[in-house]
């Protein structure tokens, strides 16, 4: 893993602070999603982007992504809806069927 220099670290910190002030109550997962979207937008302007599809899971309503035509996953990298719902302080969302997988609207 590459180490960021001080200028790069400062940029990341400023970006996080900008997103936090623009989106009060932003969760860590939400922050990661916004940072990924920012990176994707930057890469697409540079012509280096991987084909990224985004959507909403038809089962749980969470954000899902598909990179380069691979299988759909939730934004946290988990395929299963229940697995993606895990919160260290709260556990899993028991209302989600363990068999549900990331799937876009038809």
C-alpha atoms as a PDB file:
ATOM      1  CA  UNK A   1       0.000   0.000   0.000  1.00  0.00           C
ATOM      2  CA  UNK A   2       1.389   3.370  -0.999  1.00  0.00           C
ATOM      3  CA  UNK A   3       2.054   5.968   1.663  1.00  0.00           C
ATOM      4  CA  UNK A   4       0.518   9.401   1.146  1.00  0.00           C
ATOM      5  CA  UNK A   5       2.783  12.417   1.434  1.00  0.00           C
ATOM      6  CA  UNK A   6       1.781  15.398   3.597  1.00  0.00           C
ATOM      7  CA  UNK A   7       0.170  17.277   0.685  1.00  0.00           C
ATOM      8  CA  UNK A   8      -1.942  14.257  -0.257  1.00  0.00           C
ATOM      9  CA  UNK A   9      -2.949  13.701   3.370  1.00  0.00           C
ATOM     10  CA  UNK A  10      -3.948  17.369   3.681  1.00  0.00           C
ATOM     11  CA  UNK A  11      -6.087  17.063   0.524  1.00  0.00           C
ATOM     12  CA  UNK A  12      -7.862  13.971   1.870  1.00  0.00           C
ATOM     13  CA  UNK A  13      -8.500  15.692   5.201  1.00  0.00           C
ATOM     14  CA  UNK A  14      -9.889  18.794   3.475  1.00  0.00           C
ATOM     15  CA  UNK A  15     -12.126  16.654   1.257  1.00  0.00           C
ATOM     16  CA  UNK A  16     -13.481  14.739   4.266  1.00  0.00           C
ATOM     17  CA  UNK A  17     -14.169  18.001   6.130  1.00  0.00           C
ATOM     18  CA  UNK A  18     -15.881  19.451   3.029  1.00  0.00           C
ATOM     19  CA  UNK A  19     -18.136  16.385   2.690  1.00  0.00           C
ATOM     20  CA  UNK A  20     -18.889  16.309   6.426  1.00  0.00           C
ATOM     21  CA  UNK A  21     -19.998  19.951   6.442  1.00  0.00           C
ATOM     22  CA  UNK A  22     -22.068  19.495   3.258  1.00  0.00           C
ATOM     23  CA  UNK A  23     -23.768  16.346   4.606  1.00  0.00           C
ATOM     24  CA  UNK A  24     -24.583  16.638   8.339  1.00  0.00           C
ATOM     25  CA  UNK A  25     -25.031  13.249  10.000  1.00  0.00           C
ATOM     26  CA  UNK A  26     -22.936  11.518   7.339  1.00  0.00           C
ATOM     27  CA  UNK A  27     -21.975   7.962   8.315  1.00  0.00           C
ATOM     28  CA  UNK A  28     -18.576   6.426   7.620  1.00  0.00           C
ATOM     29  CA  UNK A  29     -20.155   4.275   4.880  1.00  0.00           C
ATOM     30  CA  UNK A  30     -21.766   7.357   3.375  1.00  0.00           C
ATOM     31  CA  UNK A  31     -18.460   9.192   3.493  1.00  0.00           C
ATOM     32  CA  UNK A  32     -16.705   6.308   1.740  1.00  0.00           C
ATOM     33  CA  UNK A  33     -19.425   6.260  -0.943  1.00  0.00           C
ATOM     34  CA  UNK A  34     -19.030  10.003  -1.558  1.00  0.00           C
ATOM     35  CA  UNK A  35     -15.235   9.739  -1.698  1.00  0.00           C
ATOM     36  CA  UNK A  36     -15.490   6.822  -4.150  1.00  0.00           C
ATOM     37  CA  UNK A  37     -17.883   8.836  -6.313  1.00  0.00           C
ATOM     38  CA  UNK A  38     -15.444  11.754  -6.255  1.00  0.00           C
ATOM     39  CA  UNK A  39     -12.567   9.473  -7.293  1.00  0.00           C
ATOM     40  CA  UNK A  40     -14.712   7.884 -10.027  1.00  0.00           C
ATOM     41  CA  UNK A  41     -15.622  11.318 -11.373  1.00  0.00           C
ATOM     42  CA  UNK A  42     -11.973  12.381 -11.374  1.00  0.00           C
ATOM     43  CA  UNK A  43     -10.860   9.183 -13.090  1.00  0.00           C
ATOM     44  CA  UNK A  44     -13.553   9.431 -15.742  1.00  0.00           C
ATOM     45  CA  UNK A  45     -12.379  12.951 -16.560  1.00  0.00           C
ATOM     46  CA  UNK A  46      -8.888  11.537 -16.965  1.00  0.00           C
ATOM     47  CA  UNK A  47     -10.077   8.593 -19.078  1.00  0.00           C
ATOM     48  CA  UNK A  48      -8.684   5.990 -16.645  1.00  0.00           C
ATOM     49  CA  UNK A  49     -11.946   4.859 -15.067  1.00  0.00           C
ATOM     50  CA  UNK A  50     -13.023   1.259 -14.724  1.00  0.00           C
ATOM     51  CA  UNK A  51     -16.568   0.693 -15.962  1.00  0.00           C
ATOM     52  CA  UNK A  52     -18.623   1.325 -12.799  1.00  0.00           C
ATOM     53  CA  UNK A  53     -22.378   0.840 -12.649  1.00  0.00           C
ATOM     54  CA  UNK A  54     -24.317   2.137  -9.674  1.00  0.00           C
ATOM     55  CA  UNK A  55     -27.832   1.407  -8.569  1.00  0.00           C
ATOM     56  CA  UNK A  56     -30.169   0.809  -5.696  1.00  0.00           C
ATOM     57  CA  UNK A  57     -30.711  -2.703  -4.391  1.00  0.00           C
ATOM     58  CA  UNK A  58     -34.289  -3.754  -5.131  1.00  0.00           C
ATOM     59  CA  UNK A  59     -34.348  -5.829  -1.969  1.00  0.00           C
ATOM     60  CA  UNK A  60     -32.951  -3.557   0.769  1.00  0.00           C
ATOM     61  CA  UNK A  61     -32.681  -0.143  -0.946  1.00  0.00           C
ATOM     62  CA  UNK A  62     -28.939   0.215  -0.208  1.00  0.00           C
ATOM     63  CA  UNK A  63     -26.459   1.545  -2.768  1.00  0.00           C
ATOM     64  CA  UNK A  64     -24.975  -1.196  -4.957  1.00  0.00           C
ATOM     65  CA  UNK A  65     -22.126  -1.115  -7.472  1.00  0.00           C
ATOM     66  CA  UNK A  66     -20.770  -3.327 -10.233  1.00  0.00           C
ATOM     67  CA  UNK A  67     -17.171  -2.887 -11.330  1.00  0.00           C
ATOM     68  CA  UNK A  68     -16.168  -3.884 -14.833  1.00  0.00           C
ATOM     69  CA  UNK A  69     -19.192  -6.120 -15.393  1.00  0.00           C
ATOM     70  CA  UNK A  70     -18.542  -8.278 -12.297  1.00  0.00           C
ATOM     71  CA  UNK A  71     -21.292  -9.215  -9.840  1.00  0.00           C
ATOM     72  CA  UNK A  72     -23.259  -6.543  -8.011  1.00  0.00           C
ATOM     73  CA  UNK A  73     -22.135  -5.780  -4.448  1.00  0.00           C
ATOM     74  CA  UNK A  74     -23.306  -3.389  -1.779  1.00  0.00           C
ATOM     75  CA  UNK A  75     -21.176  -0.286  -1.330  1.00  0.00           C
ATOM     76  CA  UNK A  76     -19.441  -1.911   1.646  1.00  0.00           C
ATOM     77  CA  UNK A  77     -18.210  -4.728  -0.616  1.00  0.00           C
ATOM     78  CA  UNK A  78     -20.642  -7.374   0.612  1.00  0.00           C
ATOM     79  CA  UNK A  79     -22.948  -9.276  -1.739  1.00  0.00           C
ATOM     80  CA  UNK A  80     -25.613 -10.197   0.809  1.00  0.00           C
ATOM     81  CA  UNK A  81     -28.059  -7.531   2.006  1.00  0.00           C
ATOM     82  CA  UNK A  82     -27.974  -8.747   5.591  1.00  0.00           C
ATOM     83  CA  UNK A  83     -24.160  -8.970   5.618  1.00  0.00           C
ATOM     84  CA  UNK A  84     -23.935  -5.411   4.261  1.00  0.00           C
ATOM     85  CA  UNK A  85     -26.195  -4.164   7.059  1.00  0.00           C
ATOM     86  CA  UNK A  86     -23.725  -5.079   9.818  1.00  0.00           C
ATOM     87  CA  UNK A  87     -23.024  -2.335  12.340  1.00  0.00           C
ATOM     88  CA  UNK A  88     -20.405  -3.096  15.035  1.00  0.00           C
ATOM     89  CA  UNK A  89     -22.571  -1.576  17.749  1.00  0.00           C
ATOM     90  CA  UNK A  90     -25.910  -2.948  16.598  1.00  0.00           C
ATOM     91  CA  UNK A  91     -25.193  -6.203  14.744  1.00  0.00           C
ATOM     92  CA  UNK A  92     -27.154  -7.152  11.632  1.00  0.00           C
ATOM     93  CA  UNK A  93     -30.520  -5.902  10.459  1.00  0.00           C
ATOM     94  CA  UNK A  94     -32.592  -8.962  11.366  1.00  0.00           C
ATOM     95  CA  UNK A  95     -35.465  -7.799   9.125  1.00  0.00           C
ATOM     96  CA  UNK A  96     -33.388  -8.614   6.025  1.00  0.00           C
ATOM     97  CA  UNK A  97     -33.622 -12.139   4.628  1.00  0.00           C
ATOM     98  CA  UNK A  98     -30.172 -13.799   4.765  1.00  0.00           C
ATOM     99  CA  UNK A  99     -30.783 -15.169   1.230  1.00  0.00           C
ATOM    100  CA  UNK A 100     -31.116 -11.711  -0.358  1.00  0.00           C
ATOM    101  CA  UNK A 101     -28.230 -10.664  -2.600  1.00  0.00           C
ATOM    102  CA  UNK A 102     -27.389  -7.305  -4.183  1.00  0.00           C
ATOM    103  CA  UNK A 103     -29.703  -6.939  -7.140  1.00  0.00           C
ATOM    104  CA  UNK A 104     -30.641  -3.821  -9.123  1.00  0.00           C
ATOM    105  CA  UNK A 105     -34.194  -2.830  -9.987  1.00  0.00           C
ATOM    106  CA  UNK A 106     -35.474  -4.751 -12.983  1.00  0.00           C
END
